[in-house]
């Protein structure tokens, strides 16, 4: 190659070498940049440490509301119903006037009985006076012993007639009083079952209305004999503590899902088991000052039957229920890794689930941050602080 060609090609060779050098340097810098990048920190999750606490053992049982007292108002004498003296659906007190039956024929019967009593009394006075006279005369043989005995017998019969007449007067007075139908108990009265002008009490005691006492009120429900037997065995084994007599509380859950604001008390449990259903009947009493509970309403009773001193309760937000009904929680292991744990949590108490198996004291359960974790992941556990007590920065977004 001549000198002219060398001059032409030499600059190109330098550029090639320079470009290759720059490329190597860029690759080295790129490699250094990748080595300098650090992995993301483990996600932070809020955890609570499992601990035991004394909690009531509760059972939810279905039942119906029933009136404490129910009285059927009936006509006790025959007659025409003249007047209805109450407002249907109102509260009445014992002794209040409810119905008026025509008293005229009953008054006539009473007057007749009074007259019969007066006649019997007059007859008694006559026969008694004759018997008294004969008693003196028989001693001096002025009358025969037979006449005296007849006079004494007539006086005794007259006395019996007076007693019979008095009983008839009393009966007639009662019937006359029954023409005024009053409330036998205090409570809420329903609609009238007969109308004015109807003949009532003819050959039967016609039902006129029904009164129900609503405050307090009963809640009748049933419990399986199997559950009762299991509870008694747990109490006998010392796993549970018995609730003090008279201290068993019951809470009422209404049909709309609301909780009745007044607690009730358990009155009794039946001593026999229904052979057709295997259930035991129980009864509780609730105050009902606002008449919110009505007879026949369906409700569920949450009954405290015992106390578990070693109960484990976990926040409901930490428990995940699957489609099959099974419950799971996320547990942080000692090396801060996530583990999925199957638990048994069938009973809710407030905002917590009562866990009867699957967890031990001292384990850490994830309560906050569930959406950003998965099994086997390393996390940064921090104590969970409820939103109401947490700083504004820690509160979840709405």
Protein backbone atom coordinates (compact mmCIF):
# COMPACT_ATOMS: atom_id res chain seq x y z
CA UNK A 1 0.00 0.00 0.00
CA UNK A 2 1.42 3.42 -0.93
CA UNK A 3 1.65 6.36 1.41
CA UNK A 4 -1.41 8.04 0.03
CA UNK A 5 -3.56 4.96 0.79
CA UNK A 6 -2.08 4.70 4.29
CA UNK A 7 -3.07 8.29 5.01
CA UNK A 8 -6.56 7.63 3.75
CA UNK A 9 -7.20 4.43 5.83
CA UNK A 10 -5.34 5.37 9.10
CA UNK A 11 -8.02 7.74 10.49
CA UNK A 12 -10.76 5.15 9.96
CA UNK A 13 -8.85 2.57 11.95
CA UNK A 14 -8.53 4.97 14.90
CA UNK A 15 -12.25 5.63 14.92
CA UNK A 16 -12.98 1.90 14.94
CA UNK A 17 -10.72 1.33 17.94
CA UNK A 18 -12.21 4.32 19.79
CA UNK A 19 -15.79 3.09 19.16
CA UNK A 20 -15.00 -0.38 20.40
CA UNK A 21 -13.42 1.01 23.54
CA UNK A 22 -16.46 3.16 24.27
CA UNK A 23 -18.76 0.17 23.78
CA UNK A 24 -16.79 -1.92 26.30
CA UNK A 25 -16.87 0.92 28.82
CA UNK A 26 -20.66 1.29 28.39
CA UNK A 27 -21.16 -2.43 29.00
CA UNK A 28 -19.00 -2.26 32.12
CA UNK A 29 -20.94 0.72 33.46
CA UNK A 30 -24.23 -1.03 32.73
CA UNK A 31 -23.07 -4.09 34.65
CA UNK A 32 -21.98 -1.97 37.58
CA UNK A 33 -25.42 -0.27 37.61
CA UNK A 34 -27.26 -3.61 37.88
CA UNK A 35 -25.10 -4.74 40.79
CA UNK A 36 -25.79 -1.48 42.67
CA UNK A 37 -29.65 -1.90 42.61
CA UNK A 38 -31.00 -3.32 46.01
CA UNK A 39 -34.07 -5.62 46.38
CA UNK A 40 -37.35 -4.08 47.66
CA UNK A 41 -37.89 -4.29 51.44
CA UNK A 42 -40.34 -6.90 52.76
CA UNK A 43 -43.92 -5.61 53.09
CA UNK A 44 -45.05 -4.35 56.47
CA UNK A 45 -48.02 -6.14 58.06
CA UNK A 46 -49.93 -5.48 61.27
CA UNK A 47 -50.01 -8.49 63.60
CA UNK A 48 -51.53 -9.40 66.95
CA UNK A 49 -50.06 -11.92 69.33
CA UNK A 50 -52.40 -14.73 70.28
CA UNK A 51 -53.32 -14.76 73.97
CA UNK A 52 -55.99 -16.46 76.05
CA UNK A 53 -58.73 -14.60 77.88
CA UNK A 54 -61.88 -15.54 79.81
CA UNK A 55 -64.87 -15.41 77.47
CA UNK A 56 -68.47 -16.58 77.77
CA UNK A 57 -69.51 -19.73 75.93
CA UNK A 58 -72.53 -18.63 73.92
CA UNK A 59 -75.06 -20.51 71.83
CA UNK A 60 -77.55 -19.05 69.33
CA UNK A 61 -80.91 -20.79 69.45
CA UNK A 62 -84.14 -20.08 67.53
CA UNK A 63 -87.45 -19.46 69.24
CA UNK A 64 -90.60 -17.34 69.40
CA UNK A 65 -91.94 -14.56 71.56
CA UNK A 66 -94.83 -15.44 73.86
CA UNK A 67 -96.97 -13.36 76.20
CA UNK A 68 -96.39 -13.77 79.93
CA UNK A 69 -100.14 -13.98 80.55
CA UNK A 70 -103.01 -14.47 78.11
CA UNK A 71 -106.64 -14.13 79.12
CA UNK A 72 -109.65 -14.98 76.99
CA UNK A 73 -112.51 -12.61 77.79
CA UNK A 74 -115.74 -14.65 77.66
CA UNK A 75 -119.44 -14.09 78.21
CA UNK A 76 -120.43 -15.93 81.40
CA UNK A 77 -124.19 -15.37 81.06
CA UNK A 78 -126.59 -15.53 78.14
CA UNK A 79 -127.86 -12.26 76.69
CA UNK A 80 -127.70 -9.68 73.95
CA UNK A 81 -124.44 -7.73 73.68
CA UNK A 82 -125.36 -4.07 74.03
CA UNK A 83 -122.08 -2.18 73.93
CA UNK A 84 -118.31 -2.46 73.41
CA UNK A 85 -116.50 -0.13 75.81
CA UNK A 86 -112.86 -0.21 74.72
CA UNK A 87 -110.59 0.70 71.82
CA UNK A 88 -109.28 -2.33 69.96
CA UNK A 89 -105.52 -2.71 70.26
CA UNK A 90 -105.28 -0.49 73.34
CA UNK A 91 -103.86 -1.18 76.79
CA UNK A 92 -106.39 -2.00 79.50
CA UNK A 93 -106.12 -2.49 83.23
CA UNK A 94 -107.62 -5.25 85.30
CA UNK A 95 -111.21 -4.32 86.16
CA UNK A 96 -111.77 -1.98 83.19
CA UNK A 97 -115.22 -2.23 81.59
CA UNK A 98 -115.02 -3.99 78.22
CA UNK A 99 -118.53 -5.16 77.21
CA UNK A 100 -122.08 -4.66 78.43
CA UNK A 101 -124.62 -7.47 78.11
CA UNK A 102 -128.32 -6.59 78.38
CA UNK A 103 -128.96 -6.74 82.17
CA UNK A 104 -132.80 -6.49 82.06
CA UNK A 105 -133.66 -10.22 82.20
CA UNK A 106 -130.89 -10.80 84.71
CA UNK A 107 -132.19 -7.99 86.89
CA UNK A 108 -135.66 -9.56 86.76
CA UNK A 109 -134.23 -12.90 87.87
CA UNK A 110 -132.46 -11.18 90.74
CA UNK A 111 -135.63 -9.41 91.86
CA UNK A 112 -137.56 -12.70 91.71
CA UNK A 113 -134.91 -14.38 93.84
CA UNK A 114 -135.11 -11.56 96.36
CA UNK A 115 -138.88 -11.99 96.54
CA UNK A 116 -138.56 -15.74 97.04
CA UNK A 117 -136.12 -15.08 99.87
CA UNK A 118 -138.55 -12.71 101.56
CA UNK A 119 -141.37 -15.27 101.27
CA UNK A 120 -139.20 -18.05 102.67
CA UNK A 121 -138.08 -15.83 105.52
CA UNK A 122 -141.69 -14.96 106.42
CA UNK A 123 -142.70 -18.62 106.33
CA UNK A 124 -139.76 -19.50 108.58
CA UNK A 125 -140.80 -16.95 111.16
CA UNK A 126 -144.33 -18.40 111.27
CA UNK A 127 -143.28 -22.04 111.57
CA UNK A 128 -140.58 -21.21 114.10
CA UNK A 129 -143.02 -19.32 116.28
CA UNK A 130 -145.44 -22.27 116.25
CA UNK A 131 -142.65 -24.67 117.14
CA UNK A 132 -141.67 -22.45 120.08
CA UNK A 133 -145.29 -22.38 121.41
CA UNK A 134 -145.69 -26.14 121.05
CA UNK A 135 -142.50 -26.66 122.99
CA UNK A 136 -144.15 -25.09 126.07
CA UNK A 137 -147.53 -26.74 125.55
CA UNK A 138 -146.19 -30.24 125.08
CA UNK A 139 -144.69 -30.11 128.57
CA UNK A 140 -148.14 -29.63 130.12
CA UNK A 141 -149.71 -32.08 127.69
CA UNK A 142 -151.78 -29.33 126.04
CA UNK A 143 -150.71 -30.61 122.61
CA UNK A 144 -149.65 -34.03 121.53
CA UNK A 145 -146.04 -34.99 121.00
CA UNK A 146 -146.86 -35.61 117.32
CA UNK A 147 -148.08 -32.05 116.82
CA UNK A 148 -144.92 -30.72 118.44
CA UNK A 149 -142.70 -32.89 116.24
CA UNK A 150 -144.53 -31.70 113.13
CA UNK A 151 -144.05 -28.05 114.15
CA UNK A 152 -140.32 -28.55 114.74
CA UNK A 153 -139.99 -30.26 111.34
CA UNK A 154 -141.86 -27.45 109.59
CA UNK A 155 -139.55 -24.86 111.19
CA UNK A 156 -136.46 -26.78 110.04
CA UNK A 157 -137.85 -27.01 106.52
CA UNK A 158 -138.57 -23.28 106.55
CA UNK A 159 -134.98 -22.59 107.57
CA UNK A 160 -133.74 -24.73 104.65
CA UNK A 161 -136.03 -22.82 102.30
CA UNK A 162 -134.48 -19.57 103.50
CA UNK A 163 -130.96 -20.87 102.85
CA UNK A 164 -131.97 -22.01 99.36
CA UNK A 165 -133.53 -18.64 98.62
CA UNK A 166 -130.36 -16.85 99.79
CA UNK A 167 -128.26 -19.02 97.46
CA UNK A 168 -130.62 -18.21 94.59
CA UNK A 169 -130.29 -14.50 95.35
CA UNK A 170 -126.50 -14.83 95.36
CA UNK A 171 -126.54 -16.68 92.04
CA UNK A 172 -128.86 -14.14 90.48
CA UNK A 173 -126.61 -11.34 91.77
CA UNK A 174 -123.53 -12.97 90.23
CA UNK A 175 -125.27 -13.37 86.88
CA UNK A 176 -126.38 -9.75 86.99
CA UNK A 177 -122.78 -8.75 87.68
CA UNK A 178 -121.57 -10.89 84.78
CA UNK A 179 -123.64 -8.69 82.45
CA UNK A 180 -120.84 -6.14 82.95
CA UNK A 181 -117.75 -7.79 81.36
CA UNK A 182 -114.47 -6.45 82.81
CA UNK A 183 -110.80 -7.10 82.05
CA UNK A 184 -109.45 -10.04 84.13
CA UNK A 185 -105.81 -8.89 83.71
CA UNK A 186 -103.89 -5.82 82.58
CA UNK A 187 -102.40 -5.91 79.10
CA UNK A 188 -102.96 -5.27 75.39
CA UNK A 189 -106.45 -6.18 74.15
CA UNK A 190 -107.10 -7.30 70.59
CA UNK A 191 -110.05 -6.91 68.30
CA UNK A 192 -113.60 -7.72 69.41
CA UNK A 193 -114.63 -11.20 68.31
CA UNK A 194 -118.37 -10.42 68.41
CA UNK A 195 -120.43 -7.43 67.37
CA UNK A 196 -123.03 -5.43 69.24
CA UNK A 197 -126.47 -7.03 69.05
CA UNK A 198 -125.13 -10.58 69.00
CA UNK A 199 -126.54 -13.22 71.31
CA UNK A 200 -123.71 -14.43 73.52
CA UNK A 201 -123.35 -17.04 76.23
CA UNK A 202 -126.19 -19.19 74.95
CA UNK A 203 -125.28 -22.77 75.95
CA UNK A 204 -121.57 -21.82 75.88
CA UNK A 205 -119.17 -19.18 77.19
CA UNK A 206 -118.72 -17.08 74.06
CA UNK A 207 -115.19 -15.66 73.56
CA UNK A 208 -115.39 -11.88 73.23
CA UNK A 209 -111.73 -10.76 73.05
CA UNK A 210 -108.18 -11.70 74.10
CA UNK A 211 -105.87 -9.76 76.44
CA UNK A 212 -102.11 -10.37 76.45
CA UNK A 213 -99.62 -9.07 78.96
CA UNK A 214 -96.57 -7.82 77.04
CA UNK A 215 -94.25 -6.37 79.68
CA UNK A 216 -92.35 -8.40 80.65
CA UNK A 217 -92.54 -10.97 77.86
CA UNK A 218 -91.34 -14.55 77.35
CA UNK A 219 -88.97 -15.98 74.75
CA UNK A 220 -89.46 -19.74 74.34
CA UNK A 221 -86.71 -21.64 72.51
CA UNK A 222 -85.21 -25.10 72.23
CA UNK A 223 -81.73 -26.60 72.50
CA UNK A 224 -80.47 -29.96 71.32
CA UNK A 225 -80.06 -32.53 74.07
CA UNK A 226 -76.72 -33.46 72.45
CA UNK A 227 -75.40 -29.91 72.98
CA UNK A 228 -76.62 -29.91 76.58
CA UNK A 229 -74.87 -33.22 77.24
CA UNK A 230 -71.61 -31.97 75.66
CA UNK A 231 -71.70 -28.81 77.77
CA UNK A 232 -72.23 -30.76 80.96
CA UNK A 233 -69.26 -33.02 80.16
CA UNK A 234 -67.03 -29.98 79.54
CA UNK A 235 -68.13 -28.49 82.85
CA UNK A 236 -67.47 -31.77 84.66
CA UNK A 237 -63.99 -32.04 83.09
CA UNK A 238 -63.10 -28.52 84.21
CA UNK A 239 -62.72 -27.21 80.66
CA UNK A 240 -65.40 -24.60 81.35
CA UNK A 241 -66.69 -22.79 84.40
CA UNK A 242 -70.37 -22.78 85.21
CA UNK A 243 -72.27 -19.51 85.15
CA UNK A 244 -73.57 -18.58 88.60
CA UNK A 245 -77.23 -19.46 89.20
CA UNK A 246 -79.47 -16.66 87.97
CA UNK A 247 -76.56 -14.98 86.17
CA UNK A 248 -77.02 -16.60 82.76
CA UNK A 249 -77.68 -13.75 80.35
CA UNK A 250 -79.43 -14.02 77.03
CA UNK A 251 -79.36 -11.53 74.17
CA UNK A 252 -82.11 -11.41 71.57
CA UNK A 253 -81.43 -11.11 67.82
CA UNK A 254 -84.52 -9.91 65.95
CA UNK A 255 -85.73 -10.92 62.49
CA UNK A 256 -84.24 -7.81 60.85
CA UNK A 257 -80.78 -8.64 62.21
CA UNK A 258 -80.81 -5.99 64.94
CA UNK A 259 -79.96 -6.71 68.57
CA UNK A 260 -82.71 -6.12 71.11
CA UNK A 261 -81.45 -3.42 73.51
CA UNK A 262 -82.50 -5.20 76.73
CA UNK A 263 -80.87 -8.35 78.12
CA UNK A 264 -83.04 -11.19 79.34
CA UNK A 265 -82.67 -13.81 82.03
CA UNK A 266 -83.09 -17.56 81.78
CA UNK A 267 -86.07 -18.74 83.82
CA UNK A 268 -85.95 -22.52 83.42
CA UNK A 269 -85.08 -25.41 81.16
CA UNK A 270 -87.44 -28.33 80.74
CA UNK A 271 -86.61 -31.55 82.57
CA UNK A 272 -87.70 -33.76 79.68
CA UNK A 273 -86.55 -34.23 76.09
CA UNK A 274 -89.08 -34.16 73.27
CA UNK A 275 -88.88 -37.72 71.88
CA UNK A 276 -89.84 -36.58 68.36
CA UNK A 277 -87.22 -33.82 68.02
CA UNK A 278 -84.59 -34.54 70.67
CA UNK A 279 -84.86 -30.95 71.89
CA UNK A 280 -85.15 -29.41 75.36
CA UNK A 281 -87.43 -26.42 75.85
CA UNK A 282 -86.04 -23.31 77.58
CA UNK A 283 -87.73 -20.05 78.56
CA UNK A 284 -86.27 -16.58 79.07
CA UNK A 285 -87.89 -13.36 80.25
CA UNK A 286 -87.25 -9.95 78.68
CA UNK A 287 -88.39 -6.47 79.66
CA UNK A 288 -90.58 -4.96 76.96
CA UNK A 289 -91.26 -1.34 77.97
CA UNK A 290 -91.83 -0.11 74.41
CA UNK A 291 -93.89 -3.13 73.29
CA UNK A 292 -91.30 -3.80 70.58
CA UNK A 293 -91.64 -7.54 71.08
CA UNK A 294 -94.97 -9.05 70.09
CA UNK A 295 -96.30 -12.59 70.66
CA UNK A 296 -95.56 -14.89 67.73
CA UNK A 297 -92.44 -13.03 66.55
CA UNK A 298 -89.47 -15.20 65.51
CA UNK A 299 -86.09 -14.40 67.09
CA UNK A 300 -82.75 -15.97 67.96
CA UNK A 301 -81.45 -16.06 71.49
CA UNK A 302 -77.73 -15.79 72.23
CA UNK A 303 -77.38 -17.62 75.54
CA UNK A 304 -74.32 -17.48 77.82
CA UNK A 305 -74.09 -20.99 79.25
CA UNK A 306 -70.58 -21.08 80.70
CA UNK A 307 -67.19 -19.30 80.82
CA UNK A 308 -64.02 -20.47 79.05
CA UNK A 309 -60.96 -19.18 80.95
CA UNK A 310 -58.57 -20.20 78.14
CA UNK A 311 -60.46 -18.88 75.12
CA UNK A 312 -58.64 -17.53 72.05
CA UNK A 313 -60.34 -14.66 70.22
CA UNK A 314 -59.10 -13.25 66.90
CA UNK A 315 -60.29 -10.15 65.08
CA UNK A 316 -62.83 -10.97 62.37
CA UNK A 317 -60.73 -9.10 59.79
CA UNK A 318 -57.92 -11.66 60.31
CA UNK A 319 -60.08 -14.71 59.54
CA UNK A 320 -60.84 -15.68 55.94
CA UNK A 321 -63.78 -18.01 55.33
CA UNK A 322 -63.71 -20.04 52.13
CA UNK A 323 -66.58 -21.19 49.95
CA UNK A 324 -66.57 -24.54 51.77
CA UNK A 325 -67.07 -22.81 55.10
CA UNK A 326 -63.51 -23.47 56.30
CA UNK A 327 -61.61 -20.70 58.07
CA UNK A 328 -57.94 -19.75 57.62
CA UNK A 329 -55.55 -17.16 59.06
CA UNK A 330 -52.10 -15.93 58.04
CA UNK A 331 -49.48 -16.61 60.72
CA UNK A 332 -46.03 -14.99 60.84
CA UNK A 333 -43.41 -17.65 61.70
CA UNK A 334 -40.40 -16.93 63.96
CA UNK A 335 -38.29 -16.23 60.82
CA UNK A 336 -40.92 -13.67 59.65
CA UNK A 337 -42.36 -15.79 56.87
CA UNK A 338 -46.05 -16.11 56.05
CA UNK A 339 -47.79 -19.40 56.81
CA UNK A 340 -51.43 -20.23 56.02
CA UNK A 341 -53.14 -21.91 58.96
CA UNK A 342 -56.53 -23.65 58.98
CA UNK A 343 -58.51 -22.88 62.13
CA UNK A 344 -61.91 -23.66 63.60
CA UNK A 345 -63.83 -20.44 64.15
CA UNK A 346 -67.57 -21.06 64.26
CA UNK A 347 -68.67 -18.61 66.94
CA UNK A 348 -68.60 -14.82 66.69
CA UNK A 349 -68.42 -12.58 69.75
CA UNK A 350 -68.67 -8.89 68.94
CA UNK A 351 -66.01 -8.10 66.32
CA UNK A 352 -64.02 -11.28 67.01
CA UNK A 353 -64.12 -14.96 66.12
CA UNK A 354 -63.66 -17.53 68.88
CA UNK A 355 -60.94 -19.92 67.65
CA UNK A 356 -61.23 -23.37 69.20
CA UNK A 357 -58.40 -25.06 67.30
CA UNK A 358 -55.51 -24.20 64.97
CA UNK A 359 -53.77 -21.48 67.01
CA UNK A 360 -51.51 -21.44 70.05
CA UNK A 361 -50.64 -18.79 72.58
CA UNK A 362 -47.78 -16.53 71.46
CA UNK A 363 -48.27 -16.96 67.70
CA UNK A 364 -48.54 -13.83 65.56
CA UNK A 365 -51.60 -13.47 63.33
CA UNK A 366 -51.78 -10.97 60.46
CA UNK A 367 -54.64 -8.51 60.90
CA UNK A 368 -53.65 -5.72 58.51
CA UNK A 369 -52.01 -5.98 55.09
CA UNK A 370 -53.56 -9.27 53.97
CA UNK A 371 -53.91 -8.06 50.40
CA UNK A 372 -50.15 -7.77 49.87
CA UNK A 373 -48.92 -11.09 51.22
CA UNK A 374 -48.82 -14.71 50.12
CA UNK A 375 -47.61 -17.97 51.67
CA UNK A 376 -43.84 -18.22 52.10
CA UNK A 377 -43.25 -14.48 51.70
CA UNK A 378 -40.92 -12.69 54.11
CA UNK A 379 -42.66 -9.77 55.87
CA UNK A 380 -41.90 -7.05 58.37
CA UNK A 381 -44.39 -7.61 61.23
CA UNK A 382 -45.39 -4.65 63.40
CA UNK A 383 -47.94 -4.57 66.23
CA UNK A 384 -51.41 -3.84 64.91
CA UNK A 385 -52.95 -0.56 66.08
CA UNK A 386 -56.73 -0.15 65.63
CA UNK A 387 -57.69 2.62 63.24
CA UNK A 388 -59.48 4.62 65.92
CA UNK A 389 -56.30 4.88 67.98
CA UNK A 390 -53.81 5.10 65.12
CA UNK A 391 -52.30 8.35 63.80
CA UNK A 392 -53.91 9.83 60.72
CA UNK A 393 -51.11 8.55 58.50
CA UNK A 394 -51.75 4.98 59.66
CA UNK A 395 -55.51 5.02 59.10
CA UNK A 396 -56.77 3.19 56.00
CA UNK A 397 -58.00 5.20 53.07
CA UNK A 398 -61.75 5.40 52.62
